[in-house]
Amino acid sequence: MTTRKIFGPCSIKQKIVMEDNTTDILLVGGGAGGGKSSVCLMKYLPNLGDPAARILIARETQPQLKMSGGMVDESYKIYPHFSGIYKAQAMKWIFPSGATIQFAGIPDEKALAGWQGSQLTNVLIDEAAAWSQNSVLFMLSRMRSSSYKGKIQLVMTCNPDRHSFLYDWVKPFLDEDGVP
């Protein structure tokens, strides 16, 4: 008998994140341990059947992605169940359809030059508050595809940080207590 695993949201908020296919930019905030990264790894599961899917999961450094409990480590709990094969040197999952999910450390604006010419369908910036606004806008300019059937979307996770450029992005949507 084969045991099936079910992957899905653990809360209404996670369900909203997973099912959002209308917004161009989705910011997923909250405190540490709230499941932001996990839900974002699952968010891309419906895209894996599209051979044109080119998904990038980025963070400031590769060690942050590769550490125990980091995004790469957590992806091993999910993507093999969808016949994904991980290529460690490229830090990339390849799926039977041809869809890919690649991890990359992008430490600063100088490193963005290596992404010039890339065509990405979805980008997840984990801990986006550590990035500059220019870096995020550059990654937005890499999001394009003539054959992708899904929603081209930038998703960013972050912990609350009033010193991040993201605060200016969300400030109009906060109440007097700073709550969205």
Foldseek 3Di string as FASTA:
>chain_A
DDDDDDDDDPDPLLNCVLPDQDDAEAEAEDDPPPCPLVSVLVSCVVQQLWLPAEEEEEEQAPCQQPPVVHNLNSNVVPCVSQVWDADVVQQKTAGPNNHIYHYHRHNAPVSCVVCPPAEHQEYEYEACQNYAPVVVVSVSVNYDDPRRPGHRHYYYYHYDDCPGPVCVVCVVVADPVRHD
